[in-house]
Amino acid sequence: MDAPEPEQTPFAAVTAQTSRFSRQYQAYLDKSTPYTSYRWIGTGALMLIFALRIVFARGWYIVCYSLAIYLLNLFLAFLQPKFDPSIEQDE
């Protein structure tokens, strides 16, 4: 009489997979945290490969310029504190 309910809905299955991939990615990030010099070398190598791709493709300069401005904006936002301690000391 009672039909068995499905074990998971499609949304729940996708959410479970996304959660699993997120945990795996975070575990990888946690393992790579102590190796700062290797991470900087890898970042530099990726930037060099990207620059070579731009030169050899002979195009996409505007798109790459926009990407460079965006990355610079992210870097500057990373360097700036979220709040200014000197302003809070005056109050």
PDB file of N, CA and C in Angstrom:
ATOM      1  N   MET A   1       0.814  -1.181   0.000  1.00  0.00           N
ATOM      2  CA  MET A   1       0.000   0.000   0.000  1.00  0.00           C
ATOM      3  C   MET A   1       0.864   1.254   0.000  1.00  0.00           C
ATOM      4  N   ASP A   2       1.774   1.300   0.936  1.00  0.00           N
ATOM      5  CA  ASP A   2       2.652   2.465   0.982  1.00  0.00           C
ATOM      6  C   ASP A   2       3.815   2.250   0.025  1.00  0.00           C
ATOM      7  N   ALA A   3       3.982   3.185  -0.876  1.00  0.00           N
ATOM      8  CA  ALA A   3       5.095   3.112  -1.824  1.00  0.00           C
ATOM      9  C   ALA A   3       6.372   3.543  -1.111  1.00  0.00           C
ATOM     10  N   PRO A   4       7.453   2.834  -1.347  1.00  0.00           N
ATOM     11  CA  PRO A   4       8.706   3.248  -0.699  1.00  0.00           C
ATOM     12  C   PRO A   4       9.169   4.586  -1.275  1.00  0.00           C
ATOM     13  N   GLU A   5       9.615   5.438  -0.397  1.00  0.00           N
ATOM     14  CA  GLU A   5      10.112   6.741  -0.822  1.00  0.00           C
ATOM     15  C   GLU A   5      11.535   6.596  -1.326  1.00  0.00           C
ATOM     16  N   PRO A   6      11.888   7.387  -2.326  1.00  0.00           N
ATOM     17  CA  PRO A   6      13.279   7.317  -2.792  1.00  0.00           C
ATOM     18  C   PRO A   6      14.220   7.747  -1.669  1.00  0.00           C
ATOM     19  N   GLU A   7      15.406   7.145  -1.671  1.00  0.00           N
ATOM     20  CA  GLU A   7      16.352   7.436  -0.589  1.00  0.00           C
ATOM     21  C   GLU A   7      16.840   8.877  -0.638  1.00  0.00           C
ATOM     22  N   GLN A   8      17.097   9.375  -1.828  1.00  0.00           N
ATOM     23  CA  GLN A   8      17.574  10.754  -1.949  1.00  0.00           C
ATOM     24  C   GLN A   8      16.900  11.406  -3.148  1.00  0.00           C
ATOM     25  N   THR A   9      16.634  12.670  -2.972  1.00  0.00           N
ATOM     26  CA  THR A   9      16.151  13.439  -4.108  1.00  0.00           C
ATOM     27  C   THR A   9      17.360  13.826  -4.960  1.00  0.00           C
ATOM     28  N   PRO A  10      17.153  14.200  -6.203  1.00  0.00           N
ATOM     29  CA  PRO A  10      18.298  14.606  -7.029  1.00  0.00           C
ATOM     30  C   PRO A  10      19.047  15.802  -6.436  1.00  0.00           C
ATOM     31  N   PHE A  11      18.319  16.733  -5.857  1.00  0.00           N
ATOM     32  CA  PHE A  11      18.974  17.893  -5.242  1.00  0.00           C
ATOM     33  C   PHE A  11      19.850  17.466  -4.070  1.00  0.00           C
ATOM     34  N   ALA A  12      19.361  16.540  -3.267  1.00  0.00           N
ATOM     35  CA  ALA A  12      20.147  16.068  -2.125  1.00  0.00           C
ATOM     36  C   ALA A  12      21.399  15.322  -2.590  1.00  0.00           C
ATOM     37  N   ALA A  13      21.272  14.577  -3.687  1.00  0.00           N
ATOM     38  CA  ALA A  13      22.437  13.860  -4.216  1.00  0.00           C
ATOM     39  C   ALA A  13      23.491  14.839  -4.720  1.00  0.00           C
ATOM     40  N   VAL A  14      23.064  15.887  -5.422  1.00  0.00           N
ATOM     41  CA  VAL A  14      24.013  16.896  -5.915  1.00  0.00           C
ATOM     42  C   VAL A  14      24.645  17.631  -4.743  1.00  0.00           C
ATOM     43  N   THR A  15      23.858  17.957  -3.743  1.00  0.00           N
ATOM     44  CA  THR A  15      24.381  18.638  -2.561  1.00  0.00           C
ATOM     45  C   THR A  15      25.409  17.765  -1.838  1.00  0.00           C
ATOM     46  N   ALA A  16      25.139  16.476  -1.738  1.00  0.00           N
ATOM     47  CA  ALA A  16      26.081  15.569  -1.083  1.00  0.00           C
ATOM     48  C   ALA A  16      27.391  15.484  -1.859  1.00  0.00           C
ATOM     49  N   GLN A  17      27.314  15.404  -3.200  1.00  0.00           N
ATOM     50  CA  GLN A  17      28.528  15.356  -4.013  1.00  0.00           C
ATOM     51  C   GLN A  17      29.314  16.656  -3.906  1.00  0.00           C
ATOM     52  N   THR A  18      28.623  17.784  -3.931  1.00  0.00           N
ATOM     53  CA  THR A  18      29.285  19.077  -3.809  1.00  0.00           C
ATOM     54  C   THR A  18      29.976  19.199  -2.459  1.00  0.00           C
ATOM     55  N   SER A  19      29.310  18.730  -1.429  1.00  0.00           N
ATOM     56  CA  SER A  19      29.897  18.769  -0.093  1.00  0.00           C
ATOM     57  C   SER A  19      31.141  17.890  -0.020  1.00  0.00           C
ATOM     58  N   ARG A  20      31.080  16.728  -0.648  1.00  0.00           N
ATOM     59  CA  ARG A  20      32.221  15.809  -0.633  1.00  0.00           C
ATOM     60  C   ARG A  20      33.411  16.426  -1.370  1.00  0.00           C
ATOM     61  N   PHE A  21      33.160  17.021  -2.542  1.00  0.00           N
ATOM     62  CA  PHE A  21      34.243  17.663  -3.288  1.00  0.00           C
ATOM     63  C   PHE A  21      34.801  18.854  -2.518  1.00  0.00           C
ATOM     64  N   SER A  22      33.948  19.583  -1.834  1.00  0.00           N
ATOM     65  CA  SER A  22      34.393  20.723  -1.046  1.00  0.00           C
ATOM     66  C   SER A  22      35.318  20.274   0.085  1.00  0.00           C
ATOM     67  N   ARG A  23      34.969  19.187   0.746  1.00  0.00           N
ATOM     68  CA  ARG A  23      35.820  18.662   1.823  1.00  0.00           C
ATOM     69  C   ARG A  23      37.160  18.177   1.285  1.00  0.00           C
ATOM     70  N   GLN A  24      37.148  17.517   0.121  1.00  0.00           N
ATOM     71  CA  GLN A  24      38.393  17.046  -0.476  1.00  0.00           C
ATOM     72  C   GLN A  24      39.289  18.221  -0.865  1.00  0.00           C
ATOM     73  N   TYR A  25      38.695  19.253  -1.432  1.00  0.00           N
ATOM     74  CA  TYR A  25      39.451  20.439  -1.821  1.00  0.00           C
ATOM     75  C   TYR A  25      40.038  21.126  -0.595  1.00  0.00           C
ATOM     76  N   GLN A  26      39.272  21.239   0.473  1.00  0.00           N
ATOM     77  CA  GLN A  26      39.769  21.865   1.697  1.00  0.00           C
ATOM     78  C   GLN A  26      40.897  21.043   2.315  1.00  0.00           C
ATOM     79  N   ALA A  27      40.782  19.714   2.249  1.00  0.00           N
ATOM     80  CA  ALA A  27      41.853  18.860   2.769  1.00  0.00           C
ATOM     81  C   ALA A  27      43.138  19.074   1.968  1.00  0.00           C
ATOM     82  N   TYR A  28      43.016  19.208   0.645  1.00  0.00           N
ATOM     83  CA  TYR A  28      44.186  19.473  -0.190  1.00  0.00           C
ATOM     84  C   TYR A  28      44.803  20.825   0.160  1.00  0.00           C
ATOM     85  N   LEU A  29      43.971  21.836   0.359  1.00  0.00           N
ATOM     86  CA  LEU A  29      44.487  23.146   0.736  1.00  0.00           C
ATOM     87  C   LEU A  29      45.193  23.095   2.087  1.00  0.00           C
ATOM     88  N   ASP A  30      44.623  22.362   3.022  1.00  0.00           N
ATOM     89  CA  ASP A  30      45.249  22.239   4.341  1.00  0.00           C
ATOM     90  C   ASP A  30      46.602  21.545   4.262  1.00  0.00           C
ATOM     91  N   LYS A  31      46.714  20.549   3.381  1.00  0.00           N
ATOM     92  CA  LYS A  31      47.989  19.845   3.238  1.00  0.00           C
ATOM     93  C   LYS A  31      49.045  20.724   2.569  1.00  0.00           C
ATOM     94  N   SER A  32      48.622  21.630   1.682  1.00  0.00           N
ATOM     95  CA  SER A  32      49.587  22.452   0.952  1.00  0.00           C
ATOM     96  C   SER A  32      49.953  23.743   1.676  1.00  0.00           C
ATOM     97  N   THR A  33      49.338  24.037   2.785  1.00  0.00           N
ATOM     98  CA  THR A  33      49.587  25.293   3.496  1.00  0.00           C
ATOM     99  C   THR A  33      51.044  25.474   3.914  1.00  0.00           C
ATOM    100  N   PRO A  34      51.748  24.473   4.440  1.00  0.00           N
ATOM    101  CA  PRO A  34      53.132  24.720   4.880  1.00  0.00           C
ATOM    102  C   PRO A  34      54.120  24.991   3.745  1.00  0.00           C
ATOM    103  N   TYR A  35      53.776  24.674   2.519  1.00  0.00           N
ATOM    104  CA  TYR A  35      54.717  24.777   1.409  1.00  0.00           C
ATOM    105  C   TYR A  35      54.534  26.100   0.654  1.00  0.00           C
ATOM    106  N   THR A  36      54.837  27.207   1.327  1.00  0.00           N
ATOM    107  CA  THR A  36      54.588  28.511   0.716  1.00  0.00           C
ATOM    108  C   THR A  36      55.512  28.779  -0.467  1.00  0.00           C
ATOM    109  N   SER A  37      56.769  28.389  -0.396  1.00  0.00           N
ATOM    110  CA  SER A  37      57.679  28.662  -1.515  1.00  0.00           C
ATOM    111  C   SER A  37      57.245  27.895  -2.764  1.00  0.00           C
ATOM    112  N   TYR A  38      56.824  26.660  -2.602  1.00  0.00           N
ATOM    113  CA  TYR A  38      56.358  25.885  -3.753  1.00  0.00           C
ATOM    114  C   TYR A  38      55.075  26.473  -4.336  1.00  0.00           C
ATOM    115  N   ARG A  39      54.222  26.991  -3.482  1.00  0.00           N
ATOM    116  CA  ARG A  39      52.986  27.599  -3.986  1.00  0.00           C
ATOM    117  C   ARG A  39      53.287  28.862  -4.769  1.00  0.00           C
ATOM    118  N   TRP A  40      54.253  29.685  -4.305  1.00  0.00           N
ATOM    119  CA  TRP A  40      54.617  30.887  -5.046  1.00  0.00           C
ATOM    120  C   TRP A  40      55.288  30.530  -6.369  1.00  0.00           C
ATOM    121  N   ILE A  41      56.123  29.502  -6.362  1.00  0.00           N
ATOM    122  CA  ILE A  41      56.761  29.052  -7.604  1.00  0.00           C
ATOM    123  C   ILE A  41      55.700  28.561  -8.586  1.00  0.00           C
ATOM    124  N   GLY A  42      54.730  27.815  -8.091  1.00  0.00           N
ATOM    125  CA  GLY A  42      53.639  27.339  -8.947  1.00  0.00           C
ATOM    126  C   GLY A  42      52.805  28.476  -9.501  1.00  0.00           C
ATOM    127  N   THR A  43      52.540  29.478  -8.673  1.00  0.00           N
ATOM    128  CA  THR A  43      51.779  30.640  -9.138  1.00  0.00           C
ATOM    129  C   THR A  43      52.549  31.396 -10.209  1.00  0.00           C
ATOM    130  N   GLY A  44      53.842  31.581  -9.978  1.00  0.00           N
ATOM    131  CA  GLY A  44      54.668  32.253 -10.973  1.00  0.00           C
ATOM    132  C   GLY A  44      54.728  31.478 -12.285  1.00  0.00           C
ATOM    133  N   ALA A  45      54.833  30.153 -12.190  1.00  0.00           N
ATOM    134  CA  ALA A  45      54.868  29.325 -13.399  1.00  0.00           C
ATOM    135  C   ALA A  45      53.555  29.424 -14.167  1.00  0.00           C
ATOM    136  N   LEU A  46      52.433  29.414 -13.457  1.00  0.00           N
ATOM    137  CA  LEU A  46      51.140  29.555 -14.127  1.00  0.00           C
ATOM    138  C   LEU A  46      50.998  30.923 -14.785  1.00  0.00           C
ATOM    139  N   MET A  47      51.480  31.965 -14.131  1.00  0.00           N
ATOM    140  CA  MET A  47      51.425  33.299 -14.727  1.00  0.00           C
ATOM    141  C   MET A  47      52.320  33.379 -15.966  1.00  0.00           C
ATOM    142  N   LEU A  48      53.488  32.739 -15.924  1.00  0.00           N
ATOM    143  CA  LEU A  48      54.385  32.714 -17.069  1.00  0.00           C
ATOM    144  C   LEU A  48      53.746  31.967 -18.242  1.00  0.00           C
ATOM    145  N   ILE A  49      53.132  30.833 -17.958  1.00  0.00           N
ATOM    146  CA  ILE A  49      52.440  30.075 -19.011  1.00  0.00           C
ATOM    147  C   ILE A  49      51.317  30.911 -19.607  1.00  0.00           C
ATOM    148  N   PHE A  50      50.582  31.618 -18.771  1.00  0.00           N
ATOM    149  CA  PHE A  50      49.502  32.464 -19.260  1.00  0.00           C
ATOM    150  C   PHE A  50      50.041  33.596 -20.123  1.00  0.00           C
ATOM    151  N   ALA A  51      51.145  34.210 -19.704  1.00  0.00           N
ATOM    152  CA  ALA A  51      51.748  35.286 -20.494  1.00  0.00           C
ATOM    153  C   ALA A  51      52.256  34.760 -21.834  1.00  0.00           C
ATOM    154  N   LEU A  52      52.854  33.572 -21.840  1.00  0.00           N
ATOM    155  CA  LEU A  52      53.309  32.980 -23.098  1.00  0.00           C
ATOM    156  C   LEU A  52      52.138  32.661 -24.012  1.00  0.00           C
ATOM    157  N   ARG A  53      51.037  32.244 -23.444  1.00  0.00           N
ATOM    158  CA  ARG A  53      49.847  31.959 -24.241  1.00  0.00           C
ATOM    159  C   ARG A  53      49.339  33.231 -24.915  1.00  0.00           C
ATOM    160  N   ILE A  54      49.378  34.333 -24.181  1.00  0.00           N
ATOM    161  CA  ILE A  54      48.940  35.611 -24.749  1.00  0.00           C
ATOM    162  C   ILE A  54      49.841  36.006 -25.911  1.00  0.00           C
ATOM    163  N   VAL A  55      51.151  35.863 -25.729  1.00  0.00           N
ATOM    164  CA  VAL A  55      52.095  36.262 -26.769  1.00  0.00           C
ATOM    165  C   VAL A  55      51.948  35.372 -28.001  1.00  0.00           C
ATOM    166  N   PHE A  56      51.860  34.066 -27.807  1.00  0.00           N
ATOM    167  CA  PHE A  56      51.792  33.165 -28.943  1.00  0.00           C
ATOM    168  C   PHE A  56      50.430  33.172 -29.624  1.00  0.00           C
ATOM    169  N   ALA A  57      49.378  33.486 -28.913  1.00  0.00           N
ATOM    170  CA  ALA A  57      48.041  33.542 -29.515  1.00  0.00           C
ATOM    171  C   ALA A  57      47.859  34.832 -30.307  1.00  0.00           C
ATOM    172  N   ARG A  58      48.658  35.846 -30.016  1.00  0.00           N
ATOM    173  CA  ARG A  58      48.612  37.142 -30.702  1.00  0.00           C
ATOM    174  C   ARG A  58      47.200  37.724 -30.687  1.00  0.00           C
ATOM    175  N   GLY A  59      46.651  37.761 -29.523  1.00  0.00           N
ATOM    176  CA  GLY A  59      45.319  38.341 -29.405  1.00  0.00           C
ATOM    177  C   GLY A  59      44.832  38.282 -27.983  1.00  0.00           C
ATOM    178  N   TRP A  60      43.604  38.614 -27.807  1.00  0.00           N
ATOM    179  CA  TRP A  60      42.945  38.588 -26.508  1.00  0.00           C
ATOM    180  C   TRP A  60      43.591  39.567 -25.536  1.00  0.00           C
ATOM    181  N   TYR A  61      44.187  40.630 -26.046  1.00  0.00           N
ATOM    182  CA  TYR A  61      44.891  41.567 -25.179  1.00  0.00           C
ATOM    183  C   TYR A  61      43.929  42.296 -24.245  1.00  0.00           C
ATOM    184  N   ILE A  62      42.770  42.672 -24.740  1.00  0.00           N
ATOM    185  CA  ILE A  62      41.818  43.413 -23.900  1.00  0.00           C
ATOM    186  C   ILE A  62      41.280  42.515 -22.793  1.00  0.00           C
ATOM    187  N   VAL A  63      40.988  41.269 -23.143  1.00  0.00           N
ATOM    188  CA  VAL A  63      40.492  40.328 -22.139  1.00  0.00           C
ATOM    189  C   VAL A  63      41.561  40.085 -21.080  1.00  0.00           C
ATOM    190  N   CYS A  64      42.795  39.902 -21.503  1.00  0.00           N
ATOM    191  CA  CYS A  64      43.892  39.656 -20.558  1.00  0.00           C
ATOM    192  C   CYS A  64      44.180  40.889 -19.709  1.00  0.00           C
ATOM    193  N   TYR A  65      44.064  42.064 -20.310  1.00  0.00           N
ATOM    194  CA  TYR A  65      44.247  43.297 -19.549  1.00  0.00           C
ATOM    195  C   TYR A  65      43.169  43.420 -18.483  1.00  0.00           C
ATOM    196  N   SER A  66      41.932  43.080 -18.829  1.00  0.00           N
ATOM    197  CA  SER A  66      40.831  43.116 -17.853  1.00  0.00           C
ATOM    198  C   SER A  66      41.066  42.114 -16.729  1.00  0.00           C
ATOM    199  N   LEU A  67      41.531  40.928 -17.085  1.00  0.00           N
ATOM    200  CA  LEU A  67      41.835  39.918 -16.073  1.00  0.00           C
ATOM    201  C   LEU A  67      42.952  40.389 -15.154  1.00  0.00           C
ATOM    202  N   ALA A  68      43.970  41.037 -15.704  1.00  0.00           N
ATOM    203  CA  ALA A  68      45.073  41.543 -14.884  1.00  0.00           C
ATOM    204  C   ALA A  68      44.587  42.613 -13.912  1.00  0.00           C
ATOM    205  N   ILE A  69      43.706  43.497 -14.367  1.00  0.00           N
ATOM    206  CA  ILE A  69      43.151  44.515 -13.468  1.00  0.00           C
ATOM    207  C   ILE A  69      42.334  43.862 -12.365  1.00  0.00           C
ATOM    208  N   TYR A  70      41.557  42.844 -12.713  1.00  0.00           N
ATOM    209  CA  TYR A  70      40.752  42.140 -11.716  1.00  0.00           C
ATOM    210  C   TYR A  70      41.652  41.460 -10.683  1.00  0.00           C
ATOM    211  N   LEU A  71      42.702  40.779 -11.145  1.00  0.00           N
ATOM    212  CA  LEU A  71      43.608  40.106 -10.211  1.00  0.00           C
ATOM    213  C   LEU A  71      44.334  41.110  -9.326  1.00  0.00           C
ATOM    214  N   LEU A  72      44.715  42.242  -9.887  1.00  0.00           N
ATOM    215  CA  LEU A  72      45.341  43.289  -9.081  1.00  0.00           C
ATOM    216  C   LEU A  72      44.374  43.819  -8.026  1.00  0.00           C
ATOM    217  N   ASN A  73      43.126  43.974  -8.392  1.00  0.00           N
ATOM    218  CA  ASN A  73      42.104  44.418  -7.441  1.00  0.00           C
ATOM    219  C   ASN A  73      41.942  43.406  -6.305  1.00  0.00           C
ATOM    220  N   LEU A  74      41.920  42.117  -6.631  1.00  0.00           N
ATOM    221  CA  LEU A  74      41.824  41.088  -5.592  1.00  0.00           C
ATOM    222  C   LEU A  74      43.051  41.110  -4.676  1.00  0.00           C
ATOM    223  N   PHE A  75      44.226  41.296  -5.262  1.00  0.00           N
ATOM    224  CA  PHE A  75      45.451  41.328  -4.469  1.00  0.00           C
ATOM    225  C   PHE A  75      45.463  42.520  -3.519  1.00  0.00           C
ATOM    226  N   LEU A  76      45.057  43.675  -4.018  1.00  0.00           N
ATOM    227  CA  LEU A  76      45.025  44.863  -3.160  1.00  0.00           C
ATOM    228  C   LEU A  76      43.975  44.733  -2.065  1.00  0.00           C
ATOM    229  N   ALA A  77      42.851  44.114  -2.369  1.00  0.00           N
ATOM    230  CA  ALA A  77      41.830  43.880  -1.343  1.00  0.00           C
ATOM    231  C   ALA A  77      42.354  42.917  -0.281  1.00  0.00           C
ATOM    232  N   PHE A  78      43.190  41.962  -0.691  1.00  0.00           N
ATOM    233  CA  PHE A  78      43.782  41.029   0.262  1.00  0.00           C
ATOM    234  C   PHE A  78      44.747  41.745   1.198  1.00  0.00           C
ATOM    235  N   LEU A  79      45.490  42.724   0.683  1.00  0.00           N
ATOM    236  CA  LEU A  79      46.484  43.425   1.484  1.00  0.00           C
ATOM    237  C   LEU A  79      45.877  44.430   2.454  1.00  0.00           C
ATOM    238  N   GLN A  80      44.719  44.973   2.120  1.00  0.00           N
ATOM    239  CA  GLN A  80      44.100  45.995   2.961  1.00  0.00           C
ATOM    240  C   GLN A  80      43.295  45.339   4.074  1.00  0.00           C
ATOM    241  N   PRO A  81      43.370  45.894   5.288  1.00  0.00           N
ATOM    242  CA  PRO A  81      42.559  45.331   6.380  1.00  0.00           C
ATOM    243  C   PRO A  81      41.083  45.661   6.176  1.00  0.00           C
ATOM    244  N   LYS A  82      40.239  44.825   6.750  1.00  0.00           N
ATOM    245  CA  LYS A  82      38.800  45.058   6.626  1.00  0.00           C
ATOM    246  C   LYS A  82      38.353  46.284   7.407  1.00  0.00           C
ATOM    247  N   PHE A  83      39.070  46.583   8.464  1.00  0.00           N
ATOM    248  CA  PHE A  83      38.754  47.779   9.241  1.00  0.00           C
ATOM    249  C   PHE A  83      40.073  48.483   9.547  1.00  0.00           C
ATOM    250  N   ASP A  84      39.971  49.772   9.777  1.00  0.00           N
ATOM    251  CA  ASP A  84      41.162  50.574  10.051  1.00  0.00           C
ATOM    252  C   ASP A  84      41.285  50.752  11.560  1.00  0.00           C
ATOM    253  N   PRO A  85      42.313  50.163  12.182  1.00  0.00           N
ATOM    254  CA  PRO A  85      42.450  50.274  13.637  1.00  0.00           C
ATOM    255  C   PRO A  85      42.651  51.715  14.111  1.00  0.00           C
ATOM    256  N   SER A  86      43.254  52.568  13.274  1.00  0.00           N
ATOM    257  CA  SER A  86      43.485  53.947  13.708  1.00  0.00           C
ATOM    258  C   SER A  86      42.181  54.721  13.850  1.00  0.00           C
ATOM    259  N   ILE A  87      41.200  54.409  13.041  1.00  0.00           N
ATOM    260  CA  ILE A  87      39.902  55.080  13.160  1.00  0.00           C
ATOM    261  C   ILE A  87      39.188  54.637  14.450  1.00  0.00           C
ATOM    262  N   GLU A  88      39.301  53.355  14.768  1.00  0.00           N
ATOM    263  CA  GLU A  88      38.629  52.863  15.964  1.00  0.00           C
ATOM    264  C   GLU A  88      39.298  53.347  17.241  1.00  0.00           C
ATOM    265  N   GLN A  89      40.594  53.659  17.188  1.00  0.00           N
ATOM    266  CA  GLN A  89      41.277  54.170  18.373  1.00  0.00           C
ATOM    267  C   GLN A  89      40.832  55.589  18.705  1.00  0.00           C
ATOM    268  N   ASP A  90      40.458  56.362  17.694  1.00  0.00           N
ATOM    269  CA  ASP A  90      40.024  57.752  17.922  1.00  0.00           C
ATOM    270  C   ASP A  90      38.680  57.805  18.625  1.00  0.00           C
ATOM    271  N   GLU A  91      37.857  56.819  18.461  1.00  0.00           N
ATOM    272  CA  GLU A  91      36.505  56.868  19.027  1.00  0.00           C
ATOM    273  C   GLU A  91      36.474  56.520  20.487  1.00  0.00           C
TER     274      GLU A  91
END
